[in-house]
Amino acid sequence: MERKYQVFISSTYEDLKTERQAAISCLLDLNCIPVGMEQFPASSLSQWEYIKNSR
């Protein structure tokens, strides 16, 4: 079974838009799943706890 890796793209949404899009494009080309904070659900967990629990 082929693995797909979920990769967290860090930085604020408004900053580095061009760079974030380039990183996302490269990750998609590598068959990875790019994820940014804007895609996280509302949760009572801290952001770090949510990231650690989503593996």
PDB file of N, CA and C in Angstrom:
ATOM      1  N   MET A   1       0.838  -1.175   0.000  1.00  0.00           N
ATOM      2  CA  MET A   1       0.000   0.000   0.000  1.00  0.00           C
ATOM      3  C   MET A   1       0.894   1.254   0.000  1.00  0.00           C
ATOM      4  N   GLU A   2       0.608   2.156  -0.890  1.00  0.00           N
ATOM      5  CA  GLU A   2       1.371   3.392  -0.977  1.00  0.00           C
ATOM      6  C   GLU A   2       0.964   4.335   0.148  1.00  0.00           C
ATOM      7  N   ARG A   3       1.957   4.939   0.799  1.00  0.00           N
ATOM      8  CA  ARG A   3       1.678   5.883   1.881  1.00  0.00           C
ATOM      9  C   ARG A   3       1.570   7.295   1.325  1.00  0.00           C
ATOM     10  N   LYS A   4       0.675   8.050   1.939  1.00  0.00           N
ATOM     11  CA  LYS A   4       0.584   9.481   1.655  1.00  0.00           C
ATOM     12  C   LYS A   4       0.888  10.196   2.955  1.00  0.00           C
ATOM     13  N   TYR A   5       1.765  11.173   2.882  1.00  0.00           N
ATOM     14  CA  TYR A   5       2.140  11.918   4.067  1.00  0.00           C
ATOM     15  C   TYR A   5       1.396  13.239   4.107  1.00  0.00           C
ATOM     16  N   GLN A   6       0.866  13.567   5.286  1.00  0.00           N
ATOM     17  CA  GLN A   6       0.203  14.842   5.507  1.00  0.00           C
ATOM     18  C   GLN A   6       1.267  15.802   6.037  1.00  0.00           C
ATOM     19  N   VAL A   7       1.433  16.925   5.348  1.00  0.00           N
ATOM     20  CA  VAL A   7       2.504  17.869   5.686  1.00  0.00           C
ATOM     21  C   VAL A   7       1.875  19.200   6.086  1.00  0.00           C
ATOM     22  N   PHE A   8       2.238  19.669   7.271  1.00  0.00           N
ATOM     23  CA  PHE A   8       1.730  20.936   7.777  1.00  0.00           C
ATOM     24  C   PHE A   8       2.497  22.092   7.151  1.00  0.00           C
ATOM     25  N   ILE A   9       1.763  23.032   6.557  1.00  0.00           N
ATOM     26  CA  ILE A   9       2.344  24.238   5.960  1.00  0.00           C
ATOM     27  C   ILE A   9       2.188  25.368   6.973  1.00  0.00           C
ATOM     28  N   SER A  10       3.292  25.796   7.549  1.00  0.00           N
ATOM     29  CA  SER A  10       3.255  26.815   8.591  1.00  0.00           C
ATOM     30  C   SER A  10       3.485  28.208   8.008  1.00  0.00           C
ATOM     31  N   SER A  11       2.823  29.157   8.541  1.00  0.00           N
ATOM     32  CA  SER A  11       2.927  30.598   8.336  1.00  0.00           C
ATOM     33  C   SER A  11       1.514  31.135   8.350  1.00  0.00           C
ATOM     34  N   THR A  12       1.398  32.412   8.591  1.00  0.00           N
ATOM     35  CA  THR A  12       0.061  32.984   8.589  1.00  0.00           C
ATOM     36  C   THR A  12      -0.479  32.972   7.165  1.00  0.00           C
ATOM     37  N   TYR A  13      -1.775  32.949   7.049  1.00  0.00           N
ATOM     38  CA  TYR A  13      -2.407  32.809   5.742  1.00  0.00           C
ATOM     39  C   TYR A  13      -2.081  33.982   4.819  1.00  0.00           C
ATOM     40  N   GLU A  14      -2.049  35.176   5.345  1.00  0.00           N
ATOM     41  CA  GLU A  14      -1.821  36.362   4.503  1.00  0.00           C
ATOM     42  C   GLU A  14      -0.353  36.544   4.132  1.00  0.00           C
ATOM     43  N   ASP A  15       0.534  36.094   4.982  1.00  0.00           N
ATOM     44  CA  ASP A  15       1.970  36.226   4.702  1.00  0.00           C
ATOM     45  C   ASP A  15       2.420  35.107   3.770  1.00  0.00           C
ATOM     46  N   LEU A  16       3.359  35.397   2.933  1.00  0.00           N
ATOM     47  CA  LEU A  16       4.019  34.395   2.094  1.00  0.00           C
ATOM     48  C   LEU A  16       3.051  33.588   1.223  1.00  0.00           C
ATOM     49  N   LYS A  17       2.025  34.232   0.698  1.00  0.00           N
ATOM     50  CA  LYS A  17       1.037  33.514  -0.131  1.00  0.00           C
ATOM     51  C   LYS A  17       1.683  32.815  -1.323  1.00  0.00           C
ATOM     52  N   THR A  18       2.564  33.502  -2.013  1.00  0.00           N
ATOM     53  CA  THR A  18       3.218  32.915  -3.191  1.00  0.00           C
ATOM     54  C   THR A  18       4.072  31.716  -2.788  1.00  0.00           C
ATOM     55  N   GLU A  19       4.816  31.874  -1.710  1.00  0.00           N
ATOM     56  CA  GLU A  19       5.684  30.791  -1.242  1.00  0.00           C
ATOM     57  C   GLU A  19       4.868  29.598  -0.749  1.00  0.00           C
ATOM     58  N   ARG A  20       3.776  29.879  -0.051  1.00  0.00           N
ATOM     59  CA  ARG A  20       2.899  28.791   0.420  1.00  0.00           C
ATOM     60  C   ARG A  20       2.314  28.029  -0.767  1.00  0.00           C
ATOM     61  N   GLN A  21       1.888  28.741  -1.788  1.00  0.00           N
ATOM     62  CA  GLN A  21       1.310  28.082  -2.957  1.00  0.00           C
ATOM     63  C   GLN A  21       2.355  27.228  -3.673  1.00  0.00           C
ATOM     64  N   ALA A  22       3.596  27.710  -3.743  1.00  0.00           N
ATOM     65  CA  ALA A  22       4.669  26.926  -4.367  1.00  0.00           C
ATOM     66  C   ALA A  22       4.935  25.655  -3.552  1.00  0.00           C
ATOM     67  N   ALA A  23       4.956  25.774  -2.236  1.00  0.00           N
ATOM     68  CA  ALA A  23       5.183  24.606  -1.382  1.00  0.00           C
ATOM     69  C   ALA A  23       4.038  23.607  -1.523  1.00  0.00           C
ATOM     70  N   ILE A  24       2.809  24.090  -1.555  1.00  0.00           N
ATOM     71  CA  ILE A  24       1.639  23.223  -1.717  1.00  0.00           C
ATOM     72  C   ILE A  24       1.695  22.497  -3.059  1.00  0.00           C
ATOM     73  N   SER A  25       2.051  23.218  -4.098  1.00  0.00           N
ATOM     74  CA  SER A  25       2.146  22.616  -5.431  1.00  0.00           C
ATOM     75  C   SER A  25       3.193  21.498  -5.458  1.00  0.00           C
ATOM     76  N   CYS A  26       4.350  21.758  -4.854  1.00  0.00           N
ATOM     77  CA  CYS A  26       5.405  20.737  -4.803  1.00  0.00           C
ATOM     78  C   CYS A  26       4.949  19.516  -4.014  1.00  0.00           C
ATOM     79  N   LEU A  27       4.289  19.741  -2.887  1.00  0.00           N
ATOM     80  CA  LEU A  27       3.811  18.616  -2.072  1.00  0.00           C
ATOM     81  C   LEU A  27       2.791  17.777  -2.828  1.00  0.00           C
ATOM     82  N   LEU A  28       1.902  18.430  -3.557  1.00  0.00           N
ATOM     83  CA  LEU A  28       0.912  17.691  -4.347  1.00  0.00           C
ATOM     84  C   LEU A  28       1.601  16.880  -5.438  1.00  0.00           C
ATOM     85  N   ASP A  29       2.639  17.456  -6.067  1.00  0.00           N
ATOM     86  CA  ASP A  29       3.405  16.720  -7.078  1.00  0.00           C
ATOM     87  C   ASP A  29       4.072  15.485  -6.483  1.00  0.00           C
ATOM     88  N   LEU A  30       4.416  15.547  -5.185  1.00  0.00           N
ATOM     89  CA  LEU A  30       5.059  14.433  -4.494  1.00  0.00           C
ATOM     90  C   LEU A  30       4.046  13.468  -3.871  1.00  0.00           C
ATOM     91  N   ASN A  31       2.765  13.688  -4.178  1.00  0.00           N
ATOM     92  CA  ASN A  31       1.680  12.838  -3.673  1.00  0.00           C
ATOM     93  C   ASN A  31       1.510  12.939  -2.160  1.00  0.00           C
ATOM     94  N   CYS A  32       1.802  14.125  -1.610  1.00  0.00           N
ATOM     95  CA  CYS A  32       1.597  14.400  -0.194  1.00  0.00           C
ATOM     96  C   CYS A  32       0.297  15.188  -0.020  1.00  0.00           C
ATOM     97  N   ILE A  33      -0.138  15.299   1.223  1.00  0.00           N
ATOM     98  CA  ILE A  33      -1.357  16.033   1.539  1.00  0.00           C
ATOM     99  C   ILE A  33      -0.966  17.291   2.317  1.00  0.00           C
ATOM    100  N   PRO A  34      -0.960  18.470   1.667  1.00  0.00           N
ATOM    101  CA  PRO A  34      -0.611  19.696   2.383  1.00  0.00           C
ATOM    102  C   PRO A  34      -1.786  20.192   3.230  1.00  0.00           C
ATOM    103  N   VAL A  35      -1.472  20.640   4.455  1.00  0.00           N
ATOM    104  CA  VAL A  35      -2.512  21.131   5.358  1.00  0.00           C
ATOM    105  C   VAL A  35      -2.010  22.393   6.041  1.00  0.00           C
ATOM    106  N   GLY A  36      -2.842  23.431   6.029  1.00  0.00           N
ATOM    107  CA  GLY A  36      -2.539  24.670   6.732  1.00  0.00           C
ATOM    108  C   GLY A  36      -3.532  24.878   7.857  1.00  0.00           C
ATOM    109  N   MET A  37      -3.221  25.791   8.747  1.00  0.00           N
ATOM    110  CA  MET A  37      -4.098  26.049   9.898  1.00  0.00           C
ATOM    111  C   MET A  37      -5.514  26.437   9.477  1.00  0.00           C
ATOM    112  N   GLU A  38      -5.653  27.075   8.319  1.00  0.00           N
ATOM    113  CA  GLU A  38      -6.986  27.489   7.870  1.00  0.00           C
ATOM    114  C   GLU A  38      -7.885  26.292   7.585  1.00  0.00           C
ATOM    115  N   GLN A  39      -7.311  25.103   7.493  1.00  0.00           N
ATOM    116  CA  GLN A  39      -8.096  23.894   7.239  1.00  0.00           C
ATOM    117  C   GLN A  39      -8.419  23.120   8.513  1.00  0.00           C
ATOM    118  N   PHE A  40      -7.955  23.607   9.672  1.00  0.00           N
ATOM    119  CA  PHE A  40      -8.217  22.920  10.933  1.00  0.00           C
ATOM    120  C   PHE A  40      -9.622  23.256  11.416  1.00  0.00           C
ATOM    121  N   PRO A  41     -10.301  22.307  12.043  1.00  0.00           N
ATOM    122  CA  PRO A  41     -11.632  22.586  12.594  1.00  0.00           C
ATOM    123  C   PRO A  41     -11.521  23.343  13.918  1.00  0.00           C
ATOM    124  N   ALA A  42     -12.615  23.947  14.320  1.00  0.00           N
ATOM    125  CA  ALA A  42     -12.664  24.547  15.651  1.00  0.00           C
ATOM    126  C   ALA A  42     -12.583  23.406  16.660  1.00  0.00           C
ATOM    127  N   SER A  43     -11.783  23.579  17.690  1.00  0.00           N
ATOM    128  CA  SER A  43     -11.576  22.496  18.650  1.00  0.00           C
ATOM    129  C   SER A  43     -11.183  23.068  19.996  1.00  0.00           C
ATOM    130  N   SER A  44     -11.476  22.321  21.048  1.00  0.00           N
ATOM    131  CA  SER A  44     -11.052  22.737  22.382  1.00  0.00           C
ATOM    132  C   SER A  44      -9.584  22.370  22.620  1.00  0.00           C
ATOM    133  N   LEU A  45      -9.008  21.569  21.730  1.00  0.00           N
ATOM    134  CA  LEU A  45      -7.594  21.204  21.847  1.00  0.00           C
ATOM    135  C   LEU A  45      -6.715  22.370  21.399  1.00  0.00           C
ATOM    136  N   SER A  46      -5.512  22.431  21.943  1.00  0.00           N
ATOM    137  CA  SER A  46      -4.557  23.415  21.426  1.00  0.00           C
ATOM    138  C   SER A  46      -4.183  22.991  20.008  1.00  0.00           C
ATOM    139  N   GLN A  47      -3.661  23.907  19.242  1.00  0.00           N
ATOM    140  CA  GLN A  47      -3.285  23.588  17.863  1.00  0.00           C
ATOM    141  C   GLN A  47      -2.260  22.462  17.826  1.00  0.00           C
ATOM    142  N   TRP A  48      -1.268  22.505  18.734  1.00  0.00           N
ATOM    143  CA  TRP A  48      -0.244  21.460  18.760  1.00  0.00           C
ATOM    144  C   TRP A  48      -0.848  20.106  19.129  1.00  0.00           C
ATOM    145  N   GLU A  49      -1.763  20.082  20.099  1.00  0.00           N
ATOM    146  CA  GLU A  49      -2.420  18.825  20.475  1.00  0.00           C
ATOM    147  C   GLU A  49      -3.214  18.261  19.299  1.00  0.00           C
ATOM    148  N   TYR A  50      -3.899  19.121  18.570  1.00  0.00           N
ATOM    149  CA  TYR A  50      -4.654  18.656  17.400  1.00  0.00           C
ATOM    150  C   TYR A  50      -3.720  18.050  16.360  1.00  0.00           C
ATOM    151  N   ILE A  51      -2.591  18.710  16.106  1.00  0.00           N
ATOM    152  CA  ILE A  51      -1.627  18.195  15.119  1.00  0.00           C
ATOM    153  C   ILE A  51      -1.097  16.837  15.573  1.00  0.00           C
ATOM    154  N   LYS A  52      -0.724  16.708  16.831  1.00  0.00           N
ATOM    155  CA  LYS A  52      -0.177  15.451  17.335  1.00  0.00           C
ATOM    156  C   LYS A  52      -1.220  14.329  17.275  1.00  0.00           C
ATOM    157  N   ASN A  53      -2.476  14.643  17.528  1.00  0.00           N
ATOM    158  CA  ASN A  53      -3.534  13.627  17.545  1.00  0.00           C
ATOM    159  C   ASN A  53      -4.023  13.243  16.162  1.00  0.00           C
ATOM    160  N   SER A  54      -3.679  14.001  15.130  1.00  0.00           N
ATOM    161  CA  SER A  54      -4.207  13.724  13.793  1.00  0.00           C
ATOM    162  C   SER A  54      -3.305  12.794  12.990  1.00  0.00           C
ATOM    163  N   ARG A  55      -2.297  12.225  13.599  1.00  0.00           N
ATOM    164  CA  ARG A  55      -1.411  11.307  12.872  1.00  0.00           C
ATOM    165  C   ARG A  55      -2.106  10.006  12.582  1.00  0.00           C
TER     166      ARG A  55
END
